[in-house]
């Protein structure tokens, strides 16, 4: 039971981490393209 609970928490944590990482990457790419547009003018 305790083991299952731990695995479940780990799983949720990993999913949350990957979501955060994906969001961060998306924002990073958006900022880069925005600054690229600014510099290209």
N, C-alpha and C. Protein backbone atom coordinates (compact mmCIF):
# COMPACT_ATOMS: atom_id res chain seq x y z
N UNK A 1 0.84 -1.20 0.00
CA UNK A 1 0.00 0.00 0.00
C UNK A 1 0.88 1.25 0.00
N UNK A 2 1.82 1.32 0.93
CA UNK A 2 2.69 2.50 1.00
C UNK A 2 3.50 2.61 -0.29
N UNK A 3 3.96 1.46 -0.79
CA UNK A 3 4.73 1.46 -2.02
C UNK A 3 3.91 2.04 -3.17
N UNK A 4 2.67 1.57 -3.28
CA UNK A 4 1.81 2.07 -4.34
C UNK A 4 1.63 3.57 -4.23
N UNK A 5 1.43 4.03 -3.01
CA UNK A 5 1.24 5.47 -2.79
C UNK A 5 2.47 6.24 -3.26
N UNK A 6 3.64 5.73 -2.94
CA UNK A 6 4.88 6.39 -3.35
C UNK A 6 5.01 6.42 -4.86
N UNK A 7 4.75 5.27 -5.49
CA UNK A 7 4.84 5.22 -6.95
C UNK A 7 3.86 6.20 -7.58
N UNK A 8 2.67 6.27 -7.01
CA UNK A 8 1.65 7.18 -7.54
C UNK A 8 2.14 8.63 -7.44
N UNK A 9 2.69 8.98 -6.30
CA UNK A 9 3.19 10.36 -6.12
C UNK A 9 4.31 10.65 -7.10
N UNK A 10 5.22 9.69 -7.25
CA UNK A 10 6.33 9.87 -8.19
C UNK A 10 5.80 10.09 -9.59
N UNK A 11 4.81 9.27 -9.97
CA UNK A 11 4.24 9.36 -11.30
C UNK A 11 3.64 10.74 -11.54
N UNK A 12 2.84 11.19 -10.58
CA UNK A 12 2.21 12.51 -10.71
C UNK A 12 3.28 13.59 -10.79
N UNK A 13 4.30 13.47 -9.95
CA UNK A 13 5.37 14.46 -9.94
C UNK A 13 6.06 14.52 -11.31
N UNK A 14 6.36 13.35 -11.86
CA UNK A 14 7.04 13.30 -13.16
C UNK A 14 6.16 13.93 -14.24
N UNK A 15 4.87 13.61 -14.20
CA UNK A 15 3.96 14.19 -15.20
C UNK A 15 3.93 15.70 -15.07
N UNK A 16 3.85 16.18 -13.83
CA UNK A 16 3.81 17.63 -13.60
C UNK A 16 5.10 18.27 -14.09
N UNK A 17 6.23 17.64 -13.78
CA UNK A 17 7.52 18.18 -14.19
C UNK A 17 7.60 18.28 -15.71
N UNK A 18 7.18 17.22 -16.41
CA UNK A 18 7.28 17.24 -17.86
C UNK A 18 6.35 18.30 -18.44
N UNK A 19 5.17 18.49 -17.81
CA UNK A 19 4.26 19.55 -18.28
C UNK A 19 4.91 20.91 -18.12
N UNK A 20 5.52 21.14 -16.95
CA UNK A 20 6.18 22.43 -16.68
C UNK A 20 7.31 22.64 -17.68
N UNK A 21 8.10 21.58 -17.91
CA UNK A 21 9.22 21.69 -18.84
C UNK A 21 8.72 22.03 -20.23
N UNK A 22 7.64 21.36 -20.67
CA UNK A 22 7.10 21.62 -22.00
C UNK A 22 6.62 23.06 -22.10
N UNK A 23 5.93 23.52 -21.07
CA UNK A 23 5.44 24.91 -21.07
C UNK A 23 6.62 25.87 -21.15
N UNK A 24 7.66 25.60 -20.35
CA UNK A 24 8.82 26.47 -20.31
C UNK A 24 9.48 26.52 -21.69
N UNK A 25 9.61 25.34 -22.33
CA UNK A 25 10.23 25.30 -23.65
C UNK A 25 9.41 26.12 -24.64
N UNK A 26 8.07 25.97 -24.57
CA UNK A 26 7.20 26.70 -25.49
C UNK A 26 7.40 28.21 -25.30
N UNK A 27 7.37 28.65 -24.04
CA UNK A 27 7.54 30.08 -23.76
C UNK A 27 8.90 30.56 -24.23
N UNK A 28 9.93 29.76 -23.99
CA UNK A 28 11.28 30.11 -24.40
C UNK A 28 11.34 30.30 -25.91
N UNK A 29 10.77 29.37 -26.65
CA UNK A 29 10.78 29.45 -28.11
C UNK A 29 10.02 30.69 -28.55
N UNK A 30 8.90 30.98 -27.90
CA UNK A 30 8.10 32.15 -28.28
C UNK A 30 8.91 33.42 -28.04
N UNK A 31 9.58 33.49 -26.89
CA UNK A 31 10.37 34.69 -26.59
C UNK A 31 11.50 34.85 -27.60
N UNK A 32 12.14 33.75 -27.97
CA UNK A 32 13.24 33.82 -28.93
C UNK A 32 12.73 34.33 -30.26
N UNK A 33 11.58 33.81 -30.72
CA UNK A 33 11.07 34.24 -32.02
C UNK A 33 10.63 35.69 -31.95
N UNK A 34 10.09 36.10 -30.79
CA UNK A 34 9.68 37.51 -30.63
C UNK A 34 10.90 38.42 -30.69
N UNK A 35 11.94 38.08 -29.95
CA UNK A 35 13.14 38.92 -29.96
C UNK A 35 13.78 38.89 -31.35
N UNK A 36 13.68 37.75 -32.04
CA UNK A 36 14.20 37.66 -33.40
C UNK A 36 13.46 38.63 -34.32
N UNK A 37 12.14 38.71 -34.15
CA UNK A 37 11.35 39.63 -34.96
C UNK A 37 11.76 41.07 -34.67
N UNK A 38 11.99 41.36 -33.38
CA UNK A 38 12.38 42.73 -33.01
C UNK A 38 13.71 43.08 -33.64
N UNK A 39 14.67 42.15 -33.57
CA UNK A 39 16.00 42.44 -34.08
C UNK A 39 16.04 42.47 -35.60
N UNK A 40 15.09 41.79 -36.24
CA UNK A 40 15.11 41.73 -37.70
C UNK A 40 14.58 43.00 -38.34
N UNK A 41 13.89 43.83 -37.56
CA UNK A 41 13.31 45.04 -38.14
C UNK A 41 14.38 46.03 -38.60
